[in-house]
Structures are given as structure tokens and as C-alpha cells.
Amino acid sequence: MARDLFDVAGKVVVITGGLGQLGRQYAYAFATRGARVAIFDSRAEDALLPSALQDYQVMLVPVDVTRRSSIADGLEQVERRWSVPHVLINNAALDSPPNAPAEENGPFESYPESSWDRVLEVNVKGVFLCCQVIGGRMAAAKRGSIINICSIYGLVSPDQRIYAYRARSGTPFFKPVAYSASKSALLNLTRYLATYWAKQGVRVNTLTLGGVFNHQDQEFLDGYCTRVPLGRMAREDEYNGAVIFLASDASSYMTGSNLVIDGGWTAW
């Protein structure tokens, strides 16, 4: 009988930001395929495990990815219950939502330094620390796959034209710089670690995503979807196959790479 290259049963998977829209999807994709999933999330202390995950091997762990001690405590809980993780998905991230304070979505020249610091702390330092703490243990165990979640806005500049309609309300809107800069940083962190840990059997790849539908306002959707060759935003479950692929033996010869799934956004 042929071996299933995409088999992840029994693997221990850590997903940061696992209570978010995509994090929940990743958790479900792994759990329903027999993996043991640890959801690391700063909101976990006051949250309940999503009902869709309650019949599987899933643990909810309160972790602040900007604090090394918090990550180490979370890892200790995972190892005590299961083992050294086989998979780390660095999914936790901050972005400025459309309803953020006006100064966060204003011109580059006045973008707040405090907003820059907050986004870079989570999106870059958080990944750096998780790789040090959890990736370091994986390297010591001589196996593992790290998946750093990136964005099309880490590859190309945001198309500010699709946000121009917001100016009609009297307040100019610009997609902020910090998110783009933070996601770009992950591309070379991935390459660095892929070469650094190659001999320890740890593969490190980036998964670059396009926008995900989440009931955005119609004018935004019209502008965004016109920019996408496939003509729509992604469904929240359409990246599950990619994370299973990157975590499994199906991608065993893949490291230091960037897998782009964006509906064709970056093809134009």
C-alpha cells in the first residue's frame, strides 16, 4: 500500500494566533487529520476551545509571543503532555484594521512610531522568539517543519487605489507601512533559518497569502477583487491544504522557499 505523503497523524503542531480566523482553520485541518494541536494565543486564558475542535486532541495555551518566558512556559506544557513539536506555524500577527484610529491609517509621513513598534514586536520579534524557543527544541530533536505566514503585502506594495474610496468620508485612508515591512522581514528570516538548521533536519518555509473574505464592505471588495485574476478573495479554508503540505513529507525536499497562494494577485 502506498504511503500517504500528506499524513500528519500523530504530529505535534503549535499554531500561534490559533484563535484567529485562519488559525482556527489550520487547527481544524490538522486535528481532523489526527495531529495533536497546541493553540498558542494571548486570548486563550479567557477563551473556550472552539466547539469544532472539542472532539480532537487540541490544547489551548495562553501565550504572549512577544515574551520569551511565556513561549517557554507554553512549550513546557506541550512537551509535558505530548512531546517536542514537529510543526510550528508562526501565524500570530497584528495589522491595522479599517476601523483603527485615523492616525494609524493616515499618510506615511505621520504614521505613529508607537504603531510601528507594536506591529513589528508581534509580527517580527514574536516569530523570532518562537523560532528561538520552539525551533531550537526542534533542532535539538533533529526534525521539524516551521511555517512562517507572510502576506502579498510583504512581496509587493499595497495597491492604495483600492482604499481610495475611503477618502470620500472626509478622512484619507492609506494601508499602513508597518504590516508590509514586518511581513517582508519574515522572508529572509525564513531563508536564514532554513540554511542554519538544514543539517539538524528542520525545514523552514514561508507561506504567502492573499486577502481572506471576512464580510468586508462592498466597495472594498469591488476594488480588491478587480485586482485579483481569479476575481475574488480567498475563503478562510483555502490555505489549509498548503499548511498540511508544508508540514508533511510531501514537501520533504522544500526549505527556504516561499509558497505564494494569492489568487494571482502578484502575477500582475
Protein backbone atom coordinates (compact mmCIF):
# COMPACT_ATOMS: atom_id res chain seq x y z
CA MET A 1 0.00 0.00 0.00
CA ALA A 2 1.39 3.41 -0.98
CA ARG A 3 2.46 5.71 1.85
CA ASP A 4 0.36 8.85 2.28
CA LEU A 5 2.82 11.69 1.72
CA PHE A 6 0.40 14.14 3.32
CA ASP A 7 -0.03 12.15 6.54
CA VAL A 8 0.26 14.33 9.67
CA ALA A 9 -1.32 11.91 12.14
CA GLY A 10 0.45 11.93 15.50
CA LYS A 11 2.45 15.07 14.78
CA VAL A 12 2.54 17.75 17.47
CA VAL A 13 1.64 21.09 15.91
CA VAL A 14 1.98 24.52 17.55
CA ILE A 15 -0.08 27.31 15.96
CA THR A 16 0.44 30.84 17.24
CA GLY A 17 -2.56 33.13 16.99
CA GLY A 18 -4.58 29.94 16.76
CA LEU A 19 -7.87 31.56 17.81
CA GLY A 20 -7.89 33.92 14.83
CA GLN A 21 -9.82 33.45 11.61
CA LEU A 22 -7.10 31.44 9.85
CA GLY A 23 -5.55 29.96 12.99
CA ARG A 24 -8.80 28.14 13.76
CA GLN A 25 -8.84 26.78 10.23
CA TYR A 26 -5.29 25.47 10.49
CA ALA A 27 -6.06 23.88 13.86
CA TYR A 28 -9.10 22.11 12.44
CA ALA A 29 -7.21 20.92 9.36
CA PHE A 30 -4.52 19.28 11.49
CA ALA A 31 -6.74 17.99 14.27
CA THR A 32 -9.16 16.24 11.91
CA ARG A 33 -6.19 14.50 10.30
CA GLY A 34 -5.02 13.01 13.58
CA ALA A 35 -2.44 15.58 14.64
CA ARG A 36 -2.11 16.89 18.19
CA VAL A 37 -2.59 20.64 18.13
CA ALA A 38 -1.47 23.27 20.62
CA ILE A 39 -3.12 26.64 20.07
CA PHE A 40 -0.93 29.44 21.40
CA ASP A 41 -2.91 32.66 21.75
CA SER A 42 -2.76 35.68 24.03
CA ARG A 43 -6.57 35.45 24.43
CA ALA A 44 -6.56 31.79 25.45
CA GLU A 45 -6.84 32.40 29.20
CA ASP A 46 -10.35 33.81 28.84
CA ALA A 47 -11.44 31.71 25.86
CA LEU A 48 -13.06 28.35 25.36
CA LEU A 49 -11.87 25.84 22.83
CA PRO A 50 -13.93 26.29 19.64
CA SER A 51 -16.72 23.71 19.52
CA ALA A 52 -15.48 22.30 16.21
CA LEU A 53 -12.21 21.29 17.94
CA GLN A 54 -13.54 19.81 21.15
CA ASP A 55 -13.61 16.19 19.96
CA TYR A 56 -9.94 16.19 18.93
CA GLN A 57 -6.51 16.30 20.53
CA VAL A 58 -6.28 20.07 20.94
CA MET A 59 -4.95 22.13 23.83
CA LEU A 60 -5.44 25.85 24.35
CA VAL A 61 -2.40 27.61 25.82
CA PRO A 62 -2.23 31.30 26.84
CA VAL A 63 0.98 32.61 25.27
CA ASP A 64 2.27 36.11 24.56
CA VAL A 65 4.63 35.66 21.60
CA THR A 66 6.48 38.87 22.46
CA ARG A 67 7.71 37.37 25.75
CA ARG A 68 10.30 34.58 25.69
CA SER A 69 9.27 33.31 29.13
CA SER A 70 5.64 32.99 28.03
CA ILE A 71 6.63 30.97 24.94
CA ALA A 72 8.91 28.75 27.05
CA ASP A 73 6.09 28.12 29.54
CA GLY A 74 3.74 27.20 26.69
CA LEU A 75 6.30 24.86 25.17
CA GLU A 76 6.82 23.17 28.54
CA GLN A 77 3.08 22.44 28.73
CA VAL A 78 3.12 20.94 25.24
CA GLU A 79 6.15 18.76 25.92
CA ARG A 80 4.74 17.62 29.25
CA ARG A 81 1.51 16.48 27.59
CA TRP A 82 2.88 15.25 24.27
CA SER A 83 6.44 15.81 23.03
CA VAL A 84 8.72 18.27 21.28
CA PRO A 85 6.64 19.83 18.49
CA HIS A 86 7.05 18.56 14.94
CA VAL A 87 5.46 21.65 13.37
CA LEU A 88 5.46 25.34 14.25
CA ILE A 89 3.14 27.70 12.38
CA ASN A 90 4.01 31.32 13.10
CA ASN A 91 0.58 32.75 12.39
CA ALA A 92 0.12 35.41 15.10
CA ALA A 93 0.20 38.90 13.62
CA LEU A 94 -1.12 42.42 14.01
CA ASP A 95 -2.44 44.68 11.29
CA SER A 96 -4.27 47.99 11.40
CA PRO A 97 -7.93 47.18 10.71
CA PRO A 98 -10.05 49.57 8.62
CA ASN A 99 -11.69 50.88 11.82
CA ALA A 100 -8.36 51.68 13.53
CA PRO A 101 -7.74 55.23 14.78
CA ALA A 102 -7.40 57.71 11.92
CA GLU A 103 -3.72 58.36 12.61
CA GLU A 104 -2.88 54.67 12.04
CA ASN A 105 -4.43 54.75 8.59
CA GLY A 106 -3.20 58.22 7.66
CA PRO A 107 -0.28 59.31 5.49
CA PHE A 108 3.11 57.61 5.85
CA GLU A 109 4.66 60.88 7.00
CA SER A 110 2.57 60.90 10.18
CA TYR A 111 2.32 57.15 10.88
CA PRO A 112 2.75 56.76 14.66
CA GLU A 113 6.03 55.37 15.93
CA SER A 114 4.11 53.52 18.65
CA SER A 115 2.06 51.69 15.99
CA TRP A 116 5.24 50.73 14.13
CA ASP A 117 6.76 49.35 17.33
CA ARG A 118 3.65 47.36 18.27
CA VAL A 119 3.27 45.71 14.85
CA LEU A 120 6.98 44.89 14.49
CA GLU A 121 7.08 43.50 18.03
CA VAL A 122 4.39 40.92 17.32
CA ASN A 123 4.97 40.21 13.64
CA VAL A 124 8.78 40.03 13.65
CA LYS A 125 10.03 39.74 17.22
CA GLY A 126 7.25 37.26 18.01
CA VAL A 127 8.30 35.00 15.14
CA PHE A 128 11.98 35.40 16.05
CA LEU A 129 11.34 34.37 19.67
CA CYS A 130 9.10 31.43 18.75
CA CYS A 131 11.76 30.18 16.34
CA GLN A 132 14.45 30.55 19.01
CA VAL A 133 12.49 28.76 21.73
CA ILE A 134 10.40 26.20 19.84
CA GLY A 135 12.54 25.91 16.71
CA GLY A 136 15.59 25.47 18.90
CA ARG A 137 13.99 22.45 20.59
CA MET A 138 13.00 21.05 17.21
CA ALA A 139 16.59 21.41 16.01
CA ALA A 140 17.83 19.61 19.13
CA ALA A 141 15.38 16.80 18.31
CA LYS A 142 16.71 16.85 14.72
CA ARG A 143 13.35 17.13 12.97
CA GLY A 144 10.57 19.54 12.24
CA SER A 145 8.88 22.00 9.92
CA ILE A 146 8.46 25.72 10.58
CA ILE A 147 5.90 27.64 8.52
CA ASN A 148 6.09 31.43 8.66
CA ILE A 149 2.89 33.09 7.49
CA CYS A 150 3.53 36.01 5.17
CA SER A 151 1.29 38.24 3.03
CA ILE A 152 1.22 39.55 -0.52
CA TYR A 153 1.90 42.92 1.11
CA GLY A 154 5.27 41.53 2.15
CA LEU A 155 6.11 40.90 -1.52
CA VAL A 156 4.60 43.93 -3.20
CA SER A 157 3.37 47.30 -2.03
CA PRO A 158 -0.30 47.62 -1.12
CA ASP A 159 -2.32 48.99 -4.00
CA GLN A 160 -3.50 52.15 -2.29
CA ARG A 161 -6.03 52.74 -5.08
CA ILE A 162 -8.38 50.11 -3.67
CA TYR A 163 -8.64 52.13 -0.45
CA ALA A 164 -9.17 55.50 -2.17
CA TYR A 165 -12.97 55.34 -1.77
CA ARG A 166 -12.48 55.85 1.99
CA ALA A 167 -11.40 59.44 1.35
CA ARG A 168 -14.95 60.34 0.35
CA SER A 169 -15.90 60.23 4.02
CA GLY A 170 -13.50 63.12 4.59
CA THR A 171 -10.60 61.13 6.04
CA PRO A 172 -7.84 59.91 3.68
CA PHE A 173 -7.03 56.21 4.16
CA PHE A 174 -3.69 54.53 3.45
CA LYS A 175 -2.81 50.91 4.10
CA PRO A 176 -0.09 51.34 6.76
CA VAL A 177 3.60 50.62 6.26
CA ALA A 178 4.37 48.51 9.35
CA TYR A 179 2.48 45.40 8.26
CA SER A 180 4.24 45.34 4.88
CA ALA A 181 7.67 45.85 6.43
CA SER A 182 7.06 43.19 9.06
CA LYS A 183 5.95 40.57 6.56
CA SER A 184 8.90 41.30 4.28
CA ALA A 185 11.22 40.62 7.20
CA LEU A 186 9.90 37.06 7.50
CA LEU A 187 11.10 36.15 4.03
CA ASN A 188 14.76 36.46 4.92
CA LEU A 189 14.32 35.16 8.46
CA THR A 190 12.96 32.04 6.75
CA ARG A 191 15.97 31.77 4.43
CA TYR A 192 18.41 32.35 7.27
CA LEU A 193 16.91 29.62 9.46
CA ALA A 194 16.45 27.21 6.56
CA THR A 195 20.19 27.21 5.94
CA TYR A 196 21.12 27.47 9.62
CA TRP A 197 19.09 24.40 10.67
CA ALA A 198 19.29 22.32 7.50
CA LYS A 199 21.74 19.83 9.00
CA GLN A 200 19.50 19.46 12.06
CA GLY A 201 16.60 18.29 9.91
CA VAL A 202 14.42 21.35 10.45
CA ARG A 203 12.79 22.73 7.31
CA VAL A 204 11.71 26.39 7.30
CA ASN A 205 9.40 27.84 4.66
CA THR A 206 7.21 30.88 4.16
CA LEU A 207 3.56 30.72 3.13
CA THR A 208 2.43 33.96 1.48
CA LEU A 209 -1.30 34.57 1.48
CA GLY A 210 -3.71 36.81 -0.35
CA GLY A 211 -6.66 38.54 1.30
CA VAL A 212 -9.34 36.48 3.03
CA PHE A 213 -13.04 37.24 2.85
CA ASN A 214 -14.40 38.37 6.20
CA HIS A 215 -17.54 40.34 5.33
CA GLN A 216 -15.61 43.44 4.27
CA ASP A 217 -17.64 46.37 2.94
CA GLN A 218 -18.75 46.10 -0.68
CA GLU A 219 -16.67 48.97 -2.02
CA PHE A 220 -13.51 47.40 -0.67
CA LEU A 221 -14.50 44.02 -2.11
CA ASP A 222 -15.19 45.53 -5.51
CA GLY A 223 -11.78 47.21 -5.61
CA TYR A 224 -9.87 44.25 -4.22
CA CYS A 225 -11.49 41.56 -6.35
CA THR A 226 -10.98 43.54 -9.56
CA ARG A 227 -7.26 43.39 -8.74
CA VAL A 228 -7.30 39.55 -8.40
CA PRO A 229 -7.16 37.44 -11.59
CA LEU A 230 -9.47 34.84 -10.00
CA GLY A 231 -11.88 37.65 -9.21
CA ARG A 232 -12.47 37.04 -5.51
CA MET A 233 -10.90 36.94 -2.06
CA ALA A 234 -9.87 33.61 -0.56
CA ARG A 235 -12.21 31.53 1.55
CA GLU A 236 -10.83 31.04 5.03
CA ASP A 237 -10.32 27.29 4.44
CA GLU A 238 -8.41 27.61 1.16
CA TYR A 239 -4.97 27.72 2.79
CA ASN A 240 -5.42 24.50 4.78
CA GLY A 241 -4.02 22.32 2.02
CA ALA A 242 -0.87 24.43 1.89
CA VAL A 243 -0.09 24.13 5.61
CA ILE A 244 -0.69 20.37 5.50
CA PHE A 245 1.65 20.14 2.51
CA LEU A 246 4.39 22.19 4.18
CA ALA A 247 4.11 20.22 7.44
CA SER A 248 4.13 16.79 5.81
CA ASP A 249 6.60 14.62 3.94
CA ALA A 250 5.01 15.82 0.71
CA SER A 251 7.35 18.83 0.99
CA SER A 252 10.35 16.93 2.36
CA TYR A 253 12.81 18.48 -0.12
CA MET A 254 11.47 22.01 0.33
CA THR A 255 13.19 24.51 2.61
CA GLY A 256 13.99 28.20 2.42
CA SER A 257 11.16 28.62 -0.06
CA ASN A 258 8.15 30.90 -0.33
CA LEU A 259 4.85 29.34 -1.38
CA VAL A 260 2.55 32.04 -2.78
CA ILE A 261 -1.22 31.47 -2.83
CA ASP A 262 -2.94 34.71 -3.74
CA GLY A 263 -5.49 34.14 -6.49
CA GLY A 264 -2.94 35.53 -8.93
CA TRP A 265 -2.53 38.96 -7.26
CA THR A 266 1.27 39.03 -7.69
CA ALA A 267 1.10 37.70 -11.27
CA TRP A 268 0.04 41.17 -12.46
